[in-house]
Amino acid sequence: MVFIKNYYVYLLTNWNNRVIYAGVTNDLNRRIYEHKNKLIEGFSKKYNLTKLVYFEETSDINAAIAREKEIKKWRREKKDKLVSQTNPNWQDLSEGLKDFSLRSK
């Protein structure tokens, strides 16, 4: 039996969409829980980045890391366009994720 792992590149923002954070994870539900509950010190905690506005999924960790680095180098306008193409109202996509708010650490 072959086990395929999924990896996610994601973008978070704050309540007024002023700051964007790009990250990569192998468990999107867990990672969003950590961001929303401010369990990890750093940029997303400092700027209250809890709104998931974009994510991509891949089974290749190297591709996920490369994509995250690529997006981090982009100008803000290009990141905004990426989000707006799939999420024009910049809604919090984490509301559609299963059980993230109920997960314990």
N, C-alpha and C. Protein backbone atom coordinates (compact mmCIF):
# COMPACT_ATOMS: atom_id res chain seq x y z
N MET A 1 0.84 -1.18 0.00
CA MET A 1 0.00 0.00 0.00
C MET A 1 0.89 1.25 0.00
N VAL A 2 0.63 2.14 -0.90
CA VAL A 2 1.39 3.38 -1.01
C VAL A 2 0.63 4.49 -0.30
N PHE A 3 1.32 5.18 0.59
CA PHE A 3 0.72 6.30 1.32
C PHE A 3 1.17 7.60 0.67
N ILE A 4 0.21 8.37 0.20
CA ILE A 4 0.51 9.65 -0.43
C ILE A 4 0.20 10.77 0.55
N LYS A 5 1.19 11.59 0.80
CA LYS A 5 1.04 12.72 1.71
C LYS A 5 0.75 13.97 0.91
N ASN A 6 -0.08 14.81 1.43
CA ASN A 6 -0.41 16.07 0.77
C ASN A 6 0.25 17.23 1.51
N TYR A 7 0.62 18.22 0.74
CA TYR A 7 1.25 19.43 1.27
C TYR A 7 0.47 20.63 0.75
N TYR A 8 0.46 21.68 1.53
CA TYR A 8 -0.33 22.86 1.20
C TYR A 8 0.52 24.12 1.26
N VAL A 9 0.36 24.95 0.26
CA VAL A 9 0.90 26.31 0.27
C VAL A 9 -0.32 27.19 0.52
N TYR A 10 -0.21 28.11 1.47
CA TYR A 10 -1.39 28.88 1.84
C TYR A 10 -1.04 30.34 2.09
N LEU A 11 -2.06 31.18 1.98
CA LEU A 11 -1.92 32.60 2.27
C LEU A 11 -2.90 32.98 3.37
N LEU A 12 -2.39 33.70 4.34
CA LEU A 12 -3.21 34.24 5.43
C LEU A 12 -3.18 35.75 5.36
N THR A 13 -4.22 36.36 5.90
CA THR A 13 -4.24 37.81 6.03
C THR A 13 -4.92 38.16 7.34
N ASN A 14 -4.98 39.46 7.63
CA ASN A 14 -5.64 39.91 8.85
C ASN A 14 -7.07 40.36 8.51
N TRP A 15 -7.77 40.89 9.48
CA TRP A 15 -9.18 41.23 9.33
C TRP A 15 -9.44 42.22 8.20
N ASN A 16 -8.50 43.13 7.93
CA ASN A 16 -8.72 44.13 6.88
C ASN A 16 -7.87 43.88 5.63
N ASN A 17 -7.29 42.69 5.52
CA ASN A 17 -6.54 42.27 4.33
C ASN A 17 -5.31 43.13 4.04
N ARG A 18 -4.74 43.74 5.06
CA ARG A 18 -3.60 44.63 4.86
C ARG A 18 -2.25 43.91 4.81
N VAL A 19 -2.15 42.78 5.51
CA VAL A 19 -0.88 42.06 5.61
C VAL A 19 -1.10 40.65 5.09
N ILE A 20 -0.15 40.12 4.32
CA ILE A 20 -0.26 38.76 3.78
C ILE A 20 0.93 37.93 4.24
N TYR A 21 0.65 36.68 4.59
CA TYR A 21 1.66 35.72 4.99
C TYR A 21 1.54 34.49 4.11
N ALA A 22 2.64 33.99 3.58
CA ALA A 22 2.66 32.74 2.81
C ALA A 22 3.33 31.67 3.65
N GLY A 23 2.73 30.49 3.67
CA GLY A 23 3.29 29.39 4.43
C GLY A 23 3.11 28.07 3.71
N VAL A 24 3.73 27.03 4.27
CA VAL A 24 3.61 25.68 3.72
C VAL A 24 3.43 24.72 4.90
N THR A 25 2.62 23.69 4.71
CA THR A 25 2.34 22.73 5.77
C THR A 25 1.92 21.39 5.18
N ASN A 26 1.99 20.36 6.00
CA ASN A 26 1.48 19.06 5.58
C ASN A 26 0.12 18.76 6.21
N ASP A 27 -0.38 19.67 7.04
CA ASP A 27 -1.69 19.51 7.69
C ASP A 27 -2.34 20.88 7.80
N LEU A 28 -3.14 21.22 6.81
CA LEU A 28 -3.72 22.57 6.75
C LEU A 28 -4.65 22.83 7.93
N ASN A 29 -5.46 21.85 8.29
CA ASN A 29 -6.37 22.04 9.44
C ASN A 29 -5.60 22.38 10.71
N ARG A 30 -4.57 21.60 11.00
CA ARG A 30 -3.78 21.83 12.21
C ARG A 30 -3.10 23.19 12.17
N ARG A 31 -2.53 23.52 11.03
CA ARG A 31 -1.77 24.77 10.91
C ARG A 31 -2.68 25.98 11.07
N ILE A 32 -3.87 25.93 10.48
CA ILE A 32 -4.81 27.04 10.63
C ILE A 32 -5.25 27.16 12.09
N TYR A 33 -5.47 26.03 12.73
CA TYR A 33 -5.80 26.04 14.16
C TYR A 33 -4.69 26.76 14.95
N GLU A 34 -3.44 26.42 14.64
CA GLU A 34 -2.32 27.04 15.33
C GLU A 34 -2.27 28.55 15.10
N HIS A 35 -2.53 28.97 13.86
CA HIS A 35 -2.54 30.41 13.57
C HIS A 35 -3.69 31.10 14.31
N LYS A 36 -4.88 30.54 14.23
CA LYS A 36 -6.05 31.18 14.84
C LYS A 36 -5.94 31.27 16.36
N ASN A 37 -5.26 30.30 16.96
CA ASN A 37 -5.12 30.29 18.41
C ASN A 37 -3.77 30.82 18.88
N LYS A 38 -3.01 31.38 17.93
CA LYS A 38 -1.73 32.05 18.22
C LYS A 38 -0.79 31.17 19.03
N LEU A 39 -0.66 29.92 18.59
CA LEU A 39 0.18 28.95 19.29
C LEU A 39 1.63 29.01 18.86
N ILE A 40 1.91 29.65 17.74
CA ILE A 40 3.27 29.73 17.20
C ILE A 40 3.72 31.19 17.22
N GLU A 41 4.88 31.44 17.84
CA GLU A 41 5.44 32.79 17.85
C GLU A 41 5.90 33.16 16.44
N GLY A 42 5.79 34.43 16.09
CA GLY A 42 6.32 34.87 14.81
C GLY A 42 5.44 35.89 14.12
N PHE A 43 5.67 36.01 12.83
CA PHE A 43 5.03 37.02 11.99
C PHE A 43 3.51 36.96 12.05
N SER A 44 2.95 35.76 11.88
CA SER A 44 1.49 35.66 11.84
C SER A 44 0.85 36.01 13.18
N LYS A 45 1.50 35.69 14.27
CA LYS A 45 0.98 36.06 15.59
C LYS A 45 1.10 37.57 15.80
N LYS A 46 2.25 38.12 15.45
CA LYS A 46 2.50 39.55 15.64
C LYS A 46 1.47 40.41 14.91
N TYR A 47 1.12 40.00 13.68
CA TYR A 47 0.21 40.80 12.86
C TYR A 47 -1.21 40.26 12.83
N ASN A 48 -1.53 39.32 13.72
CA ASN A 48 -2.88 38.77 13.86
C ASN A 48 -3.42 38.22 12.53
N LEU A 49 -2.62 37.39 11.88
CA LEU A 49 -2.99 36.82 10.58
C LEU A 49 -3.71 35.50 10.82
N THR A 50 -5.02 35.52 10.71
CA THR A 50 -5.83 34.34 11.03
C THR A 50 -6.81 33.98 9.92
N LYS A 51 -6.87 34.76 8.87
CA LYS A 51 -7.85 34.55 7.81
C LYS A 51 -7.20 33.85 6.62
N LEU A 52 -7.60 32.61 6.38
CA LEU A 52 -7.10 31.84 5.24
C LEU A 52 -7.82 32.31 3.98
N VAL A 53 -7.07 32.87 3.03
CA VAL A 53 -7.70 33.40 1.82
C VAL A 53 -7.32 32.65 0.55
N TYR A 54 -6.32 31.76 0.66
CA TYR A 54 -5.88 31.02 -0.52
C TYR A 54 -5.07 29.80 -0.08
N PHE A 55 -5.23 28.69 -0.82
CA PHE A 55 -4.33 27.56 -0.62
C PHE A 55 -4.27 26.70 -1.86
N GLU A 56 -3.14 26.02 -2.02
CA GLU A 56 -2.91 25.06 -3.10
C GLU A 56 -2.50 23.75 -2.45
N GLU A 57 -2.78 22.65 -3.11
CA GLU A 57 -2.42 21.33 -2.60
C GLU A 57 -1.54 20.60 -3.60
N THR A 58 -0.55 19.87 -3.09
CA THR A 58 0.33 19.07 -3.93
C THR A 58 0.81 17.86 -3.13
N SER A 59 1.26 16.84 -3.81
CA SER A 59 1.82 15.68 -3.13
C SER A 59 3.35 15.73 -3.11
N ASP A 60 3.92 16.79 -3.62
CA ASP A 60 5.38 16.93 -3.73
C ASP A 60 5.87 18.04 -2.79
N ILE A 61 6.56 17.65 -1.72
CA ILE A 61 7.03 18.63 -0.74
C ILE A 61 7.99 19.63 -1.36
N ASN A 62 8.84 19.18 -2.26
CA ASN A 62 9.78 20.11 -2.90
C ASN A 62 9.05 21.15 -3.74
N ALA A 63 8.00 20.73 -4.42
CA ALA A 63 7.20 21.67 -5.21
C ALA A 63 6.49 22.66 -4.29
N ALA A 64 6.01 22.18 -3.15
CA ALA A 64 5.32 23.07 -2.20
C ALA A 64 6.27 24.12 -1.65
N ILE A 65 7.45 23.70 -1.26
CA ILE A 65 8.44 24.64 -0.72
C ILE A 65 8.87 25.65 -1.78
N ALA A 66 9.08 25.17 -3.00
CA ALA A 66 9.48 26.07 -4.10
C ALA A 66 8.38 27.09 -4.39
N ARG A 67 7.13 26.63 -4.37
CA ARG A 67 5.99 27.52 -4.64
C ARG A 67 5.87 28.58 -3.54
N GLU A 68 6.03 28.17 -2.29
CA GLU A 68 5.97 29.12 -1.18
C GLU A 68 7.05 30.20 -1.36
N LYS A 69 8.26 29.78 -1.67
CA LYS A 69 9.36 30.74 -1.87
C LYS A 69 9.08 31.66 -3.05
N GLU A 70 8.50 31.10 -4.12
CA GLU A 70 8.15 31.90 -5.29
C GLU A 70 7.14 32.99 -4.91
N ILE A 71 6.08 32.59 -4.22
CA ILE A 71 5.02 33.54 -3.85
C ILE A 71 5.57 34.60 -2.89
N LYS A 72 6.43 34.20 -1.96
CA LYS A 72 6.99 35.17 -1.01
C LYS A 72 7.79 36.27 -1.71
N LYS A 73 8.36 35.97 -2.87
CA LYS A 73 9.14 36.96 -3.61
C LYS A 73 8.28 37.93 -4.41
N TRP A 74 7.01 37.58 -4.60
CA TRP A 74 6.13 38.41 -5.42
C TRP A 74 5.84 39.75 -4.76
N ARG A 75 5.54 40.73 -5.60
CA ARG A 75 5.02 42.01 -5.12
C ARG A 75 3.60 41.80 -4.60
N ARG A 76 3.16 42.69 -3.75
CA ARG A 76 1.84 42.57 -3.14
C ARG A 76 0.72 42.48 -4.19
N GLU A 77 0.81 43.24 -5.25
CA GLU A 77 -0.22 43.26 -6.28
C GLU A 77 -0.43 41.87 -6.90
N LYS A 78 0.66 41.15 -7.10
CA LYS A 78 0.57 39.82 -7.69
C LYS A 78 -0.07 38.83 -6.72
N LYS A 79 0.23 38.96 -5.45
CA LYS A 79 -0.40 38.11 -4.43
C LYS A 79 -1.90 38.41 -4.35
N ASP A 80 -2.24 39.69 -4.40
CA ASP A 80 -3.65 40.08 -4.38
C ASP A 80 -4.40 39.47 -5.57
N LYS A 81 -3.78 39.49 -6.73
CA LYS A 81 -4.41 38.94 -7.94
C LYS A 81 -4.61 37.43 -7.79
N LEU A 82 -3.63 36.73 -7.23
CA LEU A 82 -3.74 35.29 -7.02
C LEU A 82 -4.94 34.97 -6.13
N VAL A 83 -5.08 35.70 -5.04
CA VAL A 83 -6.21 35.48 -4.13
C VAL A 83 -7.52 35.82 -4.84
N SER A 84 -7.58 36.95 -5.49
CA SER A 84 -8.83 37.42 -6.11
C SER A 84 -9.33 36.52 -7.22
N GLN A 85 -8.43 35.80 -7.88
CA GLN A 85 -8.86 34.89 -8.96
C GLN A 85 -9.73 33.76 -8.44
N THR A 86 -9.45 33.26 -7.25
CA THR A 86 -10.22 32.13 -6.71
C THR A 86 -11.09 32.52 -5.53
N ASN A 87 -10.83 33.65 -4.93
CA ASN A 87 -11.57 34.09 -3.75
C ASN A 87 -11.79 35.60 -3.84
N PRO A 88 -12.64 36.04 -4.78
CA PRO A 88 -12.78 37.48 -5.05
C PRO A 88 -13.26 38.31 -3.87
N ASN A 89 -13.96 37.71 -2.93
CA ASN A 89 -14.44 38.46 -1.76
C ASN A 89 -13.51 38.32 -0.56
N TRP A 90 -12.40 37.64 -0.74
CA TRP A 90 -11.42 37.43 0.31
C TRP A 90 -12.07 36.87 1.58
N GLN A 91 -12.92 35.88 1.37
CA GLN A 91 -13.58 35.22 2.50
C GLN A 91 -12.61 34.30 3.22
N ASP A 92 -12.88 34.03 4.48
CA ASP A 92 -12.05 33.11 5.26
C ASP A 92 -12.38 31.68 4.85
N LEU A 93 -11.48 31.06 4.10
CA LEU A 93 -11.70 29.71 3.59
C LEU A 93 -11.59 28.66 4.68
N SER A 94 -11.06 29.02 5.82
CA SER A 94 -10.94 28.04 6.90
C SER A 94 -12.30 27.64 7.44
N GLU A 95 -13.31 28.46 7.21
CA GLU A 95 -14.65 28.11 7.66
C GLU A 95 -15.17 26.87 6.95
N GLY A 96 -14.61 26.55 5.78
CA GLY A 96 -15.00 25.35 5.05
C GLY A 96 -14.15 24.14 5.37
N LEU A 97 -13.12 24.31 6.20
CA LEU A 97 -12.28 23.17 6.57
C LEU A 97 -12.95 22.40 7.69
N LYS A 98 -12.73 21.12 7.71
CA LYS A 98 -13.38 20.28 8.70
C LYS A 98 -12.71 20.35 10.06
N ASP A 99 -13.47 20.58 11.07
CA ASP A 99 -13.08 20.41 12.47
C ASP A 99 -11.87 21.20 12.93
N PHE A 100 -11.37 22.16 12.16
CA PHE A 100 -10.15 22.84 12.61
C PHE A 100 -10.36 23.53 13.94
N SER A 101 -11.55 24.06 14.17
CA SER A 101 -11.79 24.82 15.38
C SER A 101 -11.97 23.92 16.61
N LEU A 102 -12.19 22.64 16.38
CA LEU A 102 -12.43 21.72 17.48
C LEU A 102 -11.19 20.92 17.85
N ARG A 103 -10.15 21.07 17.08
CA ARG A 103 -8.95 20.25 17.30
C ARG A 103 -8.19 20.72 18.52
N SER A 104 -7.71 19.77 19.26
CA SER A 104 -6.84 20.13 20.38
C SER A 104 -5.41 20.12 19.91
N LYS A 105 -4.57 20.79 20.62
CA LYS A 105 -3.16 20.90 20.22
C LYS A 105 -2.48 19.55 20.27
